[in-house]
């Protein structure tokens, strides 16, 4: 069974590594010796899953906002037009809306003061989610993403070849299949941004957890290299990352917040890493004790043998070198005998 597990560990895939990282702490040393590059690739795949789930959640909420917004625009929103990256809304005052799925929506295409734009951004950031629609860009804050995401209309719509439209064009566009191209464009831009943000965050967590691993390494006197501790830290954050992915997925449908999630993330990962290190130490001590027990049993057996045969001397352990030497001596003696008998045969 152990041999089969060793074969499996050598050809494990990404999802099997996830399983080992969560349920088989005793396999951490085997995961660690694969090297830093494979650990980084594993981490990149984890981050990619988070980014995909976050993007899907944001697009799902964005779709609800767009559908509801289209209905509202059709009946209540003032006329507007877009041309060459600039959006113009026919309203002299700031428009504010509350949406249960996407938070606060602020529309102000007249704002040119940078301070005013920052105030809008800070407002939705404090609320946890929302959208700011400005003259040349849109700012989105979602609970699934740390910080805000900003898109310029020229980048967002230019990739789809959209250079101008009016109110009725938007309503027609939302109700057509062409909106899929918009979602795809938004998904790609969001994925790149979210992927980089989460990669930096989780890499920071891994380094932080590895510091505790170094402390445990000193305490246990295992003398592991930092590269091995870093690799083990990457796999140790697996459960925390899976829980975070689940948290993001649930937030797509149910809006709630877990306070102190970041300390919990680091704590769970640290417990996994320390547990694996102390398991390695315990296994090493166990093996040393087994060797000591074997030596004690052999010593007792030799003593019993001497008690039964007090006149019998303890036979020295015969080494392979001794056998070779003895064989060589015999061959030389036989040669000497042959050389002595040969002259007698000639005289005869």
C-alpha atoms as a PDB file:
ATOM      1  CA  UNK A   1       0.000   0.000   0.000  1.00  0.00           C
ATOM      2  CA  UNK A   2       2.826   2.362   0.893  1.00  0.00           C
ATOM      3  CA  UNK A   3       4.539   1.553  -2.398  1.00  0.00           C
ATOM      4  CA  UNK A   4       1.361   2.416  -4.310  1.00  0.00           C
ATOM      5  CA  UNK A   5       1.060   5.756  -2.468  1.00  0.00           C
ATOM      6  CA  UNK A   6       4.667   6.576  -3.366  1.00  0.00           C
ATOM      7  CA  UNK A   7       3.872   5.920  -7.026  1.00  0.00           C
ATOM      8  CA  UNK A   8       0.792   8.141  -6.810  1.00  0.00           C
ATOM      9  CA  UNK A   9       2.678  10.980  -5.156  1.00  0.00           C
ATOM     10  CA  UNK A  10       5.181  11.035  -8.012  1.00  0.00           C
ATOM     11  CA  UNK A  11       2.530  11.462 -10.712  1.00  0.00           C
ATOM     12  CA  UNK A  12      -0.071  13.476  -8.853  1.00  0.00           C
ATOM     13  CA  UNK A  13      -2.006  16.220 -10.593  1.00  0.00           C
ATOM     14  CA  UNK A  14      -3.217  19.563  -9.356  1.00  0.00           C
ATOM     15  CA  UNK A  15      -6.391  18.314  -7.684  1.00  0.00           C
ATOM     16  CA  UNK A  16      -4.580  15.413  -6.034  1.00  0.00           C
ATOM     17  CA  UNK A  17      -2.115  17.928  -4.615  1.00  0.00           C
ATOM     18  CA  UNK A  18      -5.056  19.840  -3.172  1.00  0.00           C
ATOM     19  CA  UNK A  19      -6.282  16.624  -1.549  1.00  0.00           C
ATOM     20  CA  UNK A  20      -2.858  15.787  -0.109  1.00  0.00           C
ATOM     21  CA  UNK A  21      -2.360  19.371   1.095  1.00  0.00           C
ATOM     22  CA  UNK A  22      -5.596  19.243   3.101  1.00  0.00           C
ATOM     23  CA  UNK A  23      -5.785  15.625   4.300  1.00  0.00           C
ATOM     24  CA  UNK A  24      -2.249  14.163   4.257  1.00  0.00           C
ATOM     25  CA  UNK A  25       0.158  16.300   6.252  1.00  0.00           C
ATOM     26  CA  UNK A  26       2.635  13.423   6.332  1.00  0.00           C
ATOM     27  CA  UNK A  27       3.087  13.910   2.573  1.00  0.00           C
ATOM     28  CA  UNK A  28       4.274  17.501   2.878  1.00  0.00           C
ATOM     29  CA  UNK A  29       7.988  16.552   2.728  1.00  0.00           C
ATOM     30  CA  UNK A  30       7.384  14.733  -0.571  1.00  0.00           C
ATOM     31  CA  UNK A  31       5.515  17.741  -1.928  1.00  0.00           C
ATOM     32  CA  UNK A  32       8.269  20.067  -0.742  1.00  0.00           C
ATOM     33  CA  UNK A  33      11.117  18.200  -2.451  1.00  0.00           C
ATOM     34  CA  UNK A  34       9.490  18.713  -5.856  1.00  0.00           C
ATOM     35  CA  UNK A  35      11.090  22.167  -5.884  1.00  0.00           C
ATOM     36  CA  UNK A  36      10.093  25.815  -5.798  1.00  0.00           C
ATOM     37  CA  UNK A  37       9.022  26.050  -9.491  1.00  0.00           C
ATOM     38  CA  UNK A  38       6.338  23.370  -9.063  1.00  0.00           C
ATOM     39  CA  UNK A  39       5.149  24.973  -5.833  1.00  0.00           C
ATOM     40  CA  UNK A  40       4.837  28.342  -7.614  1.00  0.00           C
ATOM     41  CA  UNK A  41       2.899  26.719 -10.477  1.00  0.00           C
ATOM     42  CA  UNK A  42       0.543  25.162  -7.923  1.00  0.00           C
ATOM     43  CA  UNK A  43       0.074  28.566  -6.293  1.00  0.00           C
ATOM     44  CA  UNK A  44      -0.639  30.219  -9.661  1.00  0.00           C
ATOM     45  CA  UNK A  45      -3.362  27.665 -10.359  1.00  0.00           C
ATOM     46  CA  UNK A  46      -4.970  28.331  -6.974  1.00  0.00           C
ATOM     47  CA  UNK A  47      -4.909  32.071  -7.621  1.00  0.00           C
ATOM     48  CA  UNK A  48      -6.391  31.529 -11.093  1.00  0.00           C
ATOM     49  CA  UNK A  49      -9.353  29.694  -9.534  1.00  0.00           C
ATOM     50  CA  UNK A  50      -9.942  32.585  -7.122  1.00  0.00           C
ATOM     51  CA  UNK A  51      -9.748  35.092  -9.968  1.00  0.00           C
ATOM     52  CA  UNK A  52     -12.203  33.110 -12.102  1.00  0.00           C
ATOM     53  CA  UNK A  53     -14.724  32.758  -9.267  1.00  0.00           C
ATOM     54  CA  UNK A  54     -14.394  36.460  -8.429  1.00  0.00           C
ATOM     55  CA  UNK A  55     -14.893  37.462 -12.073  1.00  0.00           C
ATOM     56  CA  UNK A  56     -17.925  35.212 -12.452  1.00  0.00           C
ATOM     57  CA  UNK A  57     -19.423  36.671  -9.286  1.00  0.00           C
ATOM     58  CA  UNK A  58     -18.786  40.229 -10.399  1.00  0.00           C
ATOM     59  CA  UNK A  59     -20.218  39.559 -13.867  1.00  0.00           C
ATOM     60  CA  UNK A  60     -23.279  37.887 -12.371  1.00  0.00           C
ATOM     61  CA  UNK A  61     -23.946  40.942 -10.228  1.00  0.00           C
ATOM     62  CA  UNK A  62     -23.107  43.247 -13.127  1.00  0.00           C
ATOM     63  CA  UNK A  63     -25.621  41.417 -15.313  1.00  0.00           C
ATOM     64  CA  UNK A  64     -28.358  41.961 -12.715  1.00  0.00           C
ATOM     65  CA  UNK A  65     -27.471  45.643 -12.479  1.00  0.00           C
ATOM     66  CA  UNK A  66     -27.457  46.029 -16.267  1.00  0.00           C
ATOM     67  CA  UNK A  67     -30.816  44.295 -16.696  1.00  0.00           C
ATOM     68  CA  UNK A  68     -32.425  46.296 -13.905  1.00  0.00           C
ATOM     69  CA  UNK A  69     -30.644  49.414 -15.107  1.00  0.00           C
ATOM     70  CA  UNK A  70     -31.961  48.964 -18.629  1.00  0.00           C
ATOM     71  CA  UNK A  71     -35.510  48.846 -17.308  1.00  0.00           C
ATOM     72  CA  UNK A  72     -34.907  51.893 -15.160  1.00  0.00           C
ATOM     73  CA  UNK A  73     -33.167  53.816 -17.950  1.00  0.00           C
ATOM     74  CA  UNK A  74     -36.043  53.138 -20.279  1.00  0.00           C
ATOM     75  CA  UNK A  75     -38.550  54.872 -18.021  1.00  0.00           C
ATOM     76  CA  UNK A  76     -36.769  57.080 -15.455  1.00  0.00           C
ATOM     77  CA  UNK A  77     -33.221  57.897 -16.527  1.00  0.00           C
ATOM     78  CA  UNK A  78     -32.471  61.134 -18.424  1.00  0.00           C
ATOM     79  CA  UNK A  79     -31.203  61.060 -22.003  1.00  0.00           C
ATOM     80  CA  UNK A  80     -27.496  60.447 -22.541  1.00  0.00           C
ATOM     81  CA  UNK A  81     -25.028  59.912 -25.358  1.00  0.00           C
ATOM     82  CA  UNK A  82     -21.540  58.463 -25.791  1.00  0.00           C
ATOM     83  CA  UNK A  83     -18.934  59.383 -28.395  1.00  0.00           C
ATOM     84  CA  UNK A  84     -15.167  58.771 -28.643  1.00  0.00           C
ATOM     85  CA  UNK A  85     -14.679  57.753 -25.013  1.00  0.00           C
ATOM     86  CA  UNK A  86     -16.831  60.507 -23.465  1.00  0.00           C
ATOM     87  CA  UNK A  87     -20.215  59.904 -21.807  1.00  0.00           C
ATOM     88  CA  UNK A  88     -22.678  62.805 -21.519  1.00  0.00           C
ATOM     89  CA  UNK A  89     -25.756  62.549 -19.261  1.00  0.00           C
ATOM     90  CA  UNK A  90     -28.395  65.272 -19.616  1.00  0.00           C
ATOM     91  CA  UNK A  91     -28.529  66.145 -15.917  1.00  0.00           C
ATOM     92  CA  UNK A  92     -27.086  69.109 -14.043  1.00  0.00           C
ATOM     93  CA  UNK A  93     -26.961  67.326 -10.699  1.00  0.00           C
ATOM     94  CA  UNK A  94     -25.377  64.109  -9.425  1.00  0.00           C
ATOM     95  CA  UNK A  95     -27.622  61.063  -9.758  1.00  0.00           C
ATOM     96  CA  UNK A  96     -27.548  58.499  -6.933  1.00  0.00           C
ATOM     97  CA  UNK A  97     -29.237  55.097  -6.849  1.00  0.00           C
ATOM     98  CA  UNK A  98     -29.330  52.252  -4.360  1.00  0.00           C
ATOM     99  CA  UNK A  99     -29.207  48.709  -5.706  1.00  0.00           C
ATOM    100  CA  UNK A 100     -29.616  45.667  -3.448  1.00  0.00           C
ATOM    101  CA  UNK A 101     -27.314  43.543  -5.590  1.00  0.00           C
ATOM    102  CA  UNK A 102     -24.529  45.969  -6.457  1.00  0.00           C
ATOM    103  CA  UNK A 103     -24.671  48.665  -3.791  1.00  0.00           C
ATOM    104  CA  UNK A 104     -24.652  52.400  -4.421  1.00  0.00           C
ATOM    105  CA  UNK A 105     -24.552  53.757  -7.991  1.00  0.00           C
ATOM    106  CA  UNK A 106     -23.313  57.328  -8.503  1.00  0.00           C
ATOM    107  CA  UNK A 107     -23.625  59.037 -11.898  1.00  0.00           C
ATOM    108  CA  UNK A 108     -21.817  62.329 -12.498  1.00  0.00           C
ATOM    109  CA  UNK A 109     -20.538  63.057 -15.993  1.00  0.00           C
ATOM    110  CA  UNK A 110     -19.997  66.728 -15.188  1.00  0.00           C
ATOM    111  CA  UNK A 111     -17.363  66.140 -12.511  1.00  0.00           C
ATOM    112  CA  UNK A 112     -13.889  67.258 -13.562  1.00  0.00           C
ATOM    113  CA  UNK A 113     -12.422  67.930 -10.127  1.00  0.00           C
ATOM    114  CA  UNK A 114     -10.084  65.101  -9.094  1.00  0.00           C
ATOM    115  CA  UNK A 115     -10.972  65.589  -5.434  1.00  0.00           C
ATOM    116  CA  UNK A 116     -14.674  65.126  -6.160  1.00  0.00           C
ATOM    117  CA  UNK A 117     -13.952  61.903  -8.074  1.00  0.00           C
ATOM    118  CA  UNK A 118     -11.874  60.620  -5.149  1.00  0.00           C
ATOM    119  CA  UNK A 119     -14.746  61.401  -2.798  1.00  0.00           C
ATOM    120  CA  UNK A 120     -17.067  59.263  -4.912  1.00  0.00           C
ATOM    121  CA  UNK A 121     -14.523  56.428  -4.887  1.00  0.00           C
ATOM    122  CA  UNK A 122     -14.059  56.655  -1.125  1.00  0.00           C
ATOM    123  CA  UNK A 123     -17.821  56.621  -0.646  1.00  0.00           C
ATOM    124  CA  UNK A 124     -18.380  53.295  -2.416  1.00  0.00           C
ATOM    125  CA  UNK A 125     -15.196  51.892  -0.840  1.00  0.00           C
ATOM    126  CA  UNK A 126     -16.515  52.649   2.642  1.00  0.00           C
ATOM    127  CA  UNK A 127     -19.832  51.026   1.767  1.00  0.00           C
ATOM    128  CA  UNK A 128     -18.059  47.910   0.528  1.00  0.00           C
ATOM    129  CA  UNK A 129     -19.584  47.876  -2.954  1.00  0.00           C
ATOM    130  CA  UNK A 130     -20.913  50.249  -5.582  1.00  0.00           C
ATOM    131  CA  UNK A 131     -20.370  51.869  -8.981  1.00  0.00           C
ATOM    132  CA  UNK A 132     -19.253  55.370  -9.965  1.00  0.00           C
ATOM    133  CA  UNK A 133     -20.084  56.418 -13.542  1.00  0.00           C
ATOM    134  CA  UNK A 134     -17.996  59.400 -14.639  1.00  0.00           C
ATOM    135  CA  UNK A 135     -17.385  61.296 -17.870  1.00  0.00           C
ATOM    136  CA  UNK A 136     -14.641  59.035 -19.254  1.00  0.00           C
ATOM    137  CA  UNK A 137     -14.504  56.020 -16.955  1.00  0.00           C
ATOM    138  CA  UNK A 138     -16.395  53.714 -14.605  1.00  0.00           C
ATOM    139  CA  UNK A 139     -15.209  52.708 -11.119  1.00  0.00           C
ATOM    140  CA  UNK A 140     -16.443  49.439  -9.595  1.00  0.00           C
ATOM    141  CA  UNK A 141     -16.126  48.249  -5.999  1.00  0.00           C
ATOM    142  CA  UNK A 142     -17.123  44.677  -5.150  1.00  0.00           C
ATOM    143  CA  UNK A 143     -16.746  42.728  -1.917  1.00  0.00           C
ATOM    144  CA  UNK A 144     -15.141  39.944  -3.954  1.00  0.00           C
ATOM    145  CA  UNK A 145     -12.243  42.259  -4.857  1.00  0.00           C
ATOM    146  CA  UNK A 146      -9.805  44.135  -2.652  1.00  0.00           C
ATOM    147  CA  UNK A 147      -9.885  47.810  -3.630  1.00  0.00           C
ATOM    148  CA  UNK A 148     -11.643  49.280  -6.658  1.00  0.00           C
ATOM    149  CA  UNK A 149     -11.428  48.460 -10.354  1.00  0.00           C
ATOM    150  CA  UNK A 150     -11.383  51.297 -12.925  1.00  0.00           C
ATOM    151  CA  UNK A 151     -12.191  50.956 -16.622  1.00  0.00           C
ATOM    152  CA  UNK A 152     -12.053  53.701 -19.221  1.00  0.00           C
ATOM    153  CA  UNK A 153     -14.839  53.651 -21.780  1.00  0.00           C
ATOM    154  CA  UNK A 154     -12.352  53.837 -24.626  1.00  0.00           C
ATOM    155  CA  UNK A 155     -10.657  50.604 -23.472  1.00  0.00           C
ATOM    156  CA  UNK A 156     -13.845  48.843 -22.488  1.00  0.00           C
ATOM    157  CA  UNK A 157     -15.899  49.676 -25.572  1.00  0.00           C
ATOM    158  CA  UNK A 158     -13.122  50.315 -28.078  1.00  0.00           C
ATOM    159  CA  UNK A 159     -12.184  46.606 -28.144  1.00  0.00           C
ATOM    160  CA  UNK A 160     -15.702  45.877 -29.367  1.00  0.00           C
ATOM    161  CA  UNK A 161     -15.622  48.623 -31.995  1.00  0.00           C
ATOM    162  CA  UNK A 162     -18.212  50.770 -30.195  1.00  0.00           C
ATOM    163  CA  UNK A 163     -17.449  54.458 -30.674  1.00  0.00           C
ATOM    164  CA  UNK A 164     -20.846  56.070 -30.091  1.00  0.00           C
ATOM    165  CA  UNK A 165     -24.393  55.332 -28.940  1.00  0.00           C
ATOM    166  CA  UNK A 166     -27.463  56.959 -27.390  1.00  0.00           C
ATOM    167  CA  UNK A 167     -30.029  55.979 -24.784  1.00  0.00           C
ATOM    168  CA  UNK A 168     -32.187  53.839 -27.049  1.00  0.00           C
ATOM    169  CA  UNK A 169     -29.117  52.112 -28.484  1.00  0.00           C
ATOM    170  CA  UNK A 170     -28.156  50.978 -24.980  1.00  0.00           C
ATOM    171  CA  UNK A 171     -31.599  49.548 -24.297  1.00  0.00           C
ATOM    172  CA  UNK A 172     -31.514  47.642 -27.575  1.00  0.00           C
ATOM    173  CA  UNK A 173     -27.949  46.439 -26.893  1.00  0.00           C
ATOM    174  CA  UNK A 174     -28.783  45.100 -23.408  1.00  0.00           C
ATOM    175  CA  UNK A 175     -31.649  43.074 -24.794  1.00  0.00           C
ATOM    176  CA  UNK A 176     -29.541  41.595 -27.628  1.00  0.00           C
ATOM    177  CA  UNK A 177     -26.985  38.782 -27.760  1.00  0.00           C
ATOM    178  CA  UNK A 178     -24.195  41.290 -28.457  1.00  0.00           C
ATOM    179  CA  UNK A 179     -23.916  42.016 -24.732  1.00  0.00           C
ATOM    180  CA  UNK A 180     -22.025  38.730 -24.399  1.00  0.00           C
ATOM    181  CA  UNK A 181     -19.061  40.400 -26.108  1.00  0.00           C
ATOM    182  CA  UNK A 182     -19.177  43.121 -23.460  1.00  0.00           C
ATOM    183  CA  UNK A 183     -19.169  40.553 -20.666  1.00  0.00           C
ATOM    184  CA  UNK A 184     -16.261  38.706 -22.270  1.00  0.00           C
ATOM    185  CA  UNK A 185     -14.223  41.895 -22.560  1.00  0.00           C
ATOM    186  CA  UNK A 186     -14.973  42.842 -18.956  1.00  0.00           C
ATOM    187  CA  UNK A 187     -14.104  39.318 -17.800  1.00  0.00           C
ATOM    188  CA  UNK A 188     -10.665  39.394 -19.433  1.00  0.00           C
ATOM    189  CA  UNK A 189      -9.754  42.803 -17.991  1.00  0.00           C
ATOM    190  CA  UNK A 190     -11.081  41.911 -14.540  1.00  0.00           C
ATOM    191  CA  UNK A 191      -9.278  38.558 -14.542  1.00  0.00           C
ATOM    192  CA  UNK A 192      -5.868  40.122 -15.199  1.00  0.00           C
ATOM    193  CA  UNK A 193      -6.338  42.735 -12.487  1.00  0.00           C
ATOM    194  CA  UNK A 194      -7.812  40.359  -9.883  1.00  0.00           C
ATOM    195  CA  UNK A 195      -5.213  37.671 -10.628  1.00  0.00           C
ATOM    196  CA  UNK A 196      -2.323  40.050  -9.939  1.00  0.00           C
ATOM    197  CA  UNK A 197      -3.923  41.409  -6.759  1.00  0.00           C
ATOM    198  CA  UNK A 198      -4.661  37.970  -5.294  1.00  0.00           C
ATOM    199  CA  UNK A 199      -1.257  36.611  -6.310  1.00  0.00           C
ATOM    200  CA  UNK A 200       0.534  39.377  -4.422  1.00  0.00           C
ATOM    201  CA  UNK A 201      -1.749  38.971  -1.395  1.00  0.00           C
ATOM    202  CA  UNK A 202      -1.438  35.195  -1.130  1.00  0.00           C
ATOM    203  CA  UNK A 203       2.300  35.284  -1.811  1.00  0.00           C
ATOM    204  CA  UNK A 204       2.583  37.693   1.114  1.00  0.00           C
ATOM    205  CA  UNK A 205       0.609  35.249   3.285  1.00  0.00           C
ATOM    206  CA  UNK A 206       2.885  32.381   2.222  1.00  0.00           C
ATOM    207  CA  UNK A 207       6.025  34.309   3.174  1.00  0.00           C
ATOM    208  CA  UNK A 208       4.446  35.308   6.496  1.00  0.00           C
ATOM    209  CA  UNK A 209       3.507  31.691   7.276  1.00  0.00           C
ATOM    210  CA  UNK A 210       6.989  30.490   6.271  1.00  0.00           C
ATOM    211  CA  UNK A 211       8.468  32.729   8.978  1.00  0.00           C
ATOM    212  CA  UNK A 212       6.625  30.667  11.584  1.00  0.00           C
ATOM    213  CA  UNK A 213       7.921  27.591   9.790  1.00  0.00           C
ATOM    214  CA  UNK A 214      11.499  28.835  10.190  1.00  0.00           C
ATOM    215  CA  UNK A 215      10.906  29.344  13.917  1.00  0.00           C
ATOM    216  CA  UNK A 216       9.515  25.803  14.226  1.00  0.00           C
ATOM    217  CA  UNK A 217      12.509  24.527  12.246  1.00  0.00           C
ATOM    218  CA  UNK A 218      14.872  26.076  14.804  1.00  0.00           C
ATOM    219  CA  UNK A 219      12.906  24.651  17.728  1.00  0.00           C
ATOM    220  CA  UNK A 220      12.809  21.117  16.305  1.00  0.00           C
ATOM    221  CA  UNK A 221      16.415  21.327  14.992  1.00  0.00           C
ATOM    222  CA  UNK A 222      15.437  19.692  11.700  1.00  0.00           C
ATOM    223  CA  UNK A 223      17.828  21.921   9.715  1.00  0.00           C
ATOM    224  CA  UNK A 224      15.522  22.208   6.707  1.00  0.00           C
ATOM    225  CA  UNK A 225      16.398  24.700   3.994  1.00  0.00           C
ATOM    226  CA  UNK A 226      14.157  27.736   3.537  1.00  0.00           C
ATOM    227  CA  UNK A 227      13.196  26.546   0.045  1.00  0.00           C
ATOM    228  CA  UNK A 228      11.598  23.429   1.566  1.00  0.00           C
ATOM    229  CA  UNK A 229       9.798  25.497   4.221  1.00  0.00           C
ATOM    230  CA  UNK A 230       8.548  27.903   1.540  1.00  0.00           C
ATOM    231  CA  UNK A 231       7.225  25.010  -0.559  1.00  0.00           C
ATOM    232  CA  UNK A 232       5.446  23.529   2.441  1.00  0.00           C
ATOM    233  CA  UNK A 233       3.966  26.966   3.206  1.00  0.00           C
ATOM    234  CA  UNK A 234       2.512  27.127  -0.317  1.00  0.00           C
ATOM    235  CA  UNK A 235       0.690  23.831   0.239  1.00  0.00           C
ATOM    236  CA  UNK A 236      -0.264  24.870   3.781  1.00  0.00           C
ATOM    237  CA  UNK A 237      -2.372  27.788   2.509  1.00  0.00           C
ATOM    238  CA  UNK A 238      -4.510  25.410   0.419  1.00  0.00           C
ATOM    239  CA  UNK A 239      -7.359  24.956   2.898  1.00  0.00           C
ATOM    240  CA  UNK A 240      -7.467  28.676   3.706  1.00  0.00           C
ATOM    241  CA  UNK A 241      -7.608  29.469  -0.019  1.00  0.00           C
ATOM    242  CA  UNK A 242     -10.383  26.927  -0.646  1.00  0.00           C
ATOM    243  CA  UNK A 243     -12.385  28.468   2.199  1.00  0.00           C
ATOM    244  CA  UNK A 244     -11.818  31.901   0.690  1.00  0.00           C
ATOM    245  CA  UNK A 245     -13.045  30.686  -2.704  1.00  0.00           C
ATOM    246  CA  UNK A 246     -16.180  29.303  -1.012  1.00  0.00           C
ATOM    247  CA  UNK A 247     -16.623  32.633   0.787  1.00  0.00           C
ATOM    248  CA  UNK A 248     -16.474  34.508  -2.532  1.00  0.00           C
ATOM    249  CA  UNK A 249     -18.885  32.045  -4.179  1.00  0.00           C
ATOM    250  CA  UNK A 250     -21.459  32.377  -1.396  1.00  0.00           C
ATOM    251  CA  UNK A 251     -21.163  36.161  -1.559  1.00  0.00           C
ATOM    252  CA  UNK A 252     -22.345  36.040  -5.164  1.00  0.00           C
ATOM    253  CA  UNK A 253     -25.826  35.146  -3.930  1.00  0.00           C
ATOM    254  CA  UNK A 254     -25.814  36.143  -0.245  1.00  0.00           C
ATOM    255  CA  UNK A 255     -24.273  39.423   0.796  1.00  0.00           C
ATOM    256  CA  UNK A 256     -22.438  38.992   4.107  1.00  0.00           C
ATOM    257  CA  UNK A 257     -19.034  39.740   5.585  1.00  0.00           C
ATOM    258  CA  UNK A 258     -16.727  37.704   7.835  1.00  0.00           C
ATOM    259  CA  UNK A 259     -14.709  39.955  10.078  1.00  0.00           C
ATOM    260  CA  UNK A 260     -11.057  39.109  10.705  1.00  0.00           C
ATOM    261  CA  UNK A 261     -10.980  36.697   7.756  1.00  0.00           C
ATOM    262  CA  UNK A 262      -7.353  37.562   7.012  1.00  0.00           C
ATOM    263  CA  UNK A 263      -6.059  36.570  10.507  1.00  0.00           C
ATOM    264  CA  UNK A 264      -8.101  33.364  10.241  1.00  0.00           C
ATOM    265  CA  UNK A 265      -6.561  32.671   6.813  1.00  0.00           C
ATOM    266  CA  UNK A 266      -3.022  32.978   8.185  1.00  0.00           C
ATOM    267  CA  UNK A 267      -3.842  31.054  11.381  1.00  0.00           C
ATOM    268  CA  UNK A 268      -5.230  28.011   9.556  1.00  0.00           C
ATOM    269  CA  UNK A 269      -2.259  27.942   7.163  1.00  0.00           C
ATOM    270  CA  UNK A 270       0.221  28.293  10.044  1.00  0.00           C
ATOM    271  CA  UNK A 271      -1.410  25.427  11.950  1.00  0.00           C
ATOM    272  CA  UNK A 272      -1.068  23.195   8.886  1.00  0.00           C
ATOM    273  CA  UNK A 273       2.589  24.086   8.407  1.00  0.00           C
ATOM    274  CA  UNK A 274       3.541  23.668  12.081  1.00  0.00           C
ATOM    275  CA  UNK A 275       1.640  20.384  12.308  1.00  0.00           C
ATOM    276  CA  UNK A 276       3.525  19.003   9.303  1.00  0.00           C
ATOM    277  CA  UNK A 277       6.905  20.106  10.715  1.00  0.00           C
ATOM    278  CA  UNK A 278       6.244  18.537  14.119  1.00  0.00           C
ATOM    279  CA  UNK A 279       5.007  15.368  12.399  1.00  0.00           C
ATOM    280  CA  UNK A 280       8.334  15.180  10.557  1.00  0.00           C
ATOM    281  CA  UNK A 281      10.168  15.592  13.869  1.00  0.00           C
ATOM    282  CA  UNK A 282       7.997  12.939  15.563  1.00  0.00           C
ATOM    283  CA  UNK A 283       8.603  10.508  12.706  1.00  0.00           C
ATOM    284  CA  UNK A 284      12.359  11.112  12.944  1.00  0.00           C
ATOM    285  CA  UNK A 285      12.320  10.450  16.708  1.00  0.00           C
ATOM    286  CA  UNK A 286      10.250   7.314  16.145  1.00  0.00           C
ATOM    287  CA  UNK A 287      12.780   5.945  13.663  1.00  0.00           C
ATOM    288  CA  UNK A 288      15.661   6.724  16.011  1.00  0.00           C
ATOM    289  CA  UNK A 289      13.876   4.907  18.859  1.00  0.00           C
ATOM    290  CA  UNK A 290      13.305   1.881  16.626  1.00  0.00           C
ATOM    291  CA  UNK A 291      17.022   1.730  15.813  1.00  0.00           C
ATOM    292  CA  UNK A 292      17.874   1.953  19.522  1.00  0.00           C
ATOM    293  CA  UNK A 293      15.392  -0.842  20.340  1.00  0.00           C
ATOM    294  CA  UNK A 294      16.880  -3.100  17.660  1.00  0.00           C
ATOM    295  CA  UNK A 295      20.378  -2.514  19.018  1.00  0.00           C
ATOM    296  CA  UNK A 296      19.205  -3.305  22.571  1.00  0.00           C
ATOM    297  CA  UNK A 297      17.522  -6.539  21.457  1.00  0.00           C
ATOM    298  CA  UNK A 298      20.671  -7.646  19.616  1.00  0.00           C
ATOM    299  CA  UNK A 299      22.786  -6.901  22.668  1.00  0.00           C
ATOM    300  CA  UNK A 300      20.456  -8.917  24.943  1.00  0.00           C
ATOM    301  CA  UNK A 301      20.539 -11.855  22.520  1.00  0.00           C
ATOM    302  CA  UNK A 302      24.346 -11.844  22.507  1.00  0.00           C
ATOM    303  CA  UNK A 303      24.440 -11.774  26.323  1.00  0.00           C
ATOM    304  CA  UNK A 304      22.032 -14.729  26.531  1.00  0.00           C
ATOM    305  CA  UNK A 305      24.163 -16.653  24.057  1.00  0.00           C
ATOM    306  CA  UNK A 306      27.294 -16.097  26.189  1.00  0.00           C
ATOM    307  CA  UNK A 307      25.455 -17.216  29.358  1.00  0.00           C
ATOM    308  CA  UNK A 308      24.470 -20.526  27.708  1.00  0.00           C
ATOM    309  CA  UNK A 309      28.010 -21.143  26.367  1.00  0.00           C
ATOM    310  CA  UNK A 310      30.443 -19.388  28.723  1.00  0.00           C
ATOM    311  CA  UNK A 311      33.497 -21.073  27.095  1.00  0.00           C
ATOM    312  CA  UNK A 312      32.469 -20.018  23.599  1.00  0.00           C
ATOM    313  CA  UNK A 313      34.057 -16.817  22.470  1.00  0.00           C
ATOM    314  CA  UNK A 314      32.008 -14.348  20.616  1.00  0.00           C
ATOM    315  CA  UNK A 315      32.613 -14.787  16.919  1.00  0.00           C
ATOM    316  CA  UNK A 316      33.776 -11.692  15.171  1.00  0.00           C
ATOM    317  CA  UNK A 317      31.550 -10.400  12.463  1.00  0.00           C
ATOM    318  CA  UNK A 318      32.835 -11.666   9.155  1.00  0.00           C
ATOM    319  CA  UNK A 319      33.216  -8.895   6.631  1.00  0.00           C
ATOM    320  CA  UNK A 320      33.166  -9.271   2.833  1.00  0.00           C
ATOM    321  CA  UNK A 321      36.721  -7.904   2.685  1.00  0.00           C
ATOM    322  CA  UNK A 322      37.924 -10.715   4.981  1.00  0.00           C
ATOM    323  CA  UNK A 323      36.397 -13.338   2.670  1.00  0.00           C
ATOM    324  CA  UNK A 324      38.138 -11.842  -0.355  1.00  0.00           C
ATOM    325  CA  UNK A 325      41.465 -11.762   1.477  1.00  0.00           C
ATOM    326  CA  UNK A 326      41.080 -15.391   2.610  1.00  0.00           C
ATOM    327  CA  UNK A 327      40.251 -16.522  -0.924  1.00  0.00           C
ATOM    328  CA  UNK A 328      43.280 -14.696  -2.300  1.00  0.00           C
ATOM    329  CA  UNK A 329      45.594 -16.399   0.217  1.00  0.00           C
ATOM    330  CA  UNK A 330      44.231 -19.828  -0.750  1.00  0.00           C
ATOM    331  CA  UNK A 331      44.854 -19.134  -4.443  1.00  0.00           C
ATOM    332  CA  UNK A 332      48.444 -18.069  -3.724  1.00  0.00           C
ATOM    333  CA  UNK A 333      49.107 -21.253  -1.683  1.00  0.00           C
ATOM    334  CA  UNK A 334      47.776 -23.426  -4.514  1.00  0.00           C
ATOM    335  CA  UNK A 335      50.077 -21.666  -6.979  1.00  0.00           C
ATOM    336  CA  UNK A 336      53.067 -22.276  -4.679  1.00  0.00           C
ATOM    337  CA  UNK A 337      52.233 -26.017  -4.471  1.00  0.00           C
ATOM    338  CA  UNK A 338      51.935 -26.282  -8.244  1.00  0.00           C
ATOM    339  CA  UNK A 339      55.282 -24.565  -8.728  1.00  0.00           C
ATOM    340  CA  UNK A 340      56.933 -27.043  -6.320  1.00  0.00           C
ATOM    341  CA  UNK A 341      55.554 -30.143  -8.078  1.00  0.00           C
ATOM    342  CA  UNK A 342      56.358 -29.073 -11.630  1.00  0.00           C
ATOM    343  CA  UNK A 343      60.201 -29.613 -11.482  1.00  0.00           C
ATOM    344  CA  UNK A 344      59.747 -33.139 -10.066  1.00  0.00           C
ATOM    345  CA  UNK A 345      57.659 -34.042 -13.077  1.00  0.00           C
ATOM    346  CA  UNK A 346      60.392 -32.849 -15.471  1.00  0.00           C
ATOM    347  CA  UNK A 347      63.189 -34.805 -13.714  1.00  0.00           C
ATOM    348  CA  UNK A 348      61.133 -37.952 -13.884  1.00  0.00           C
END
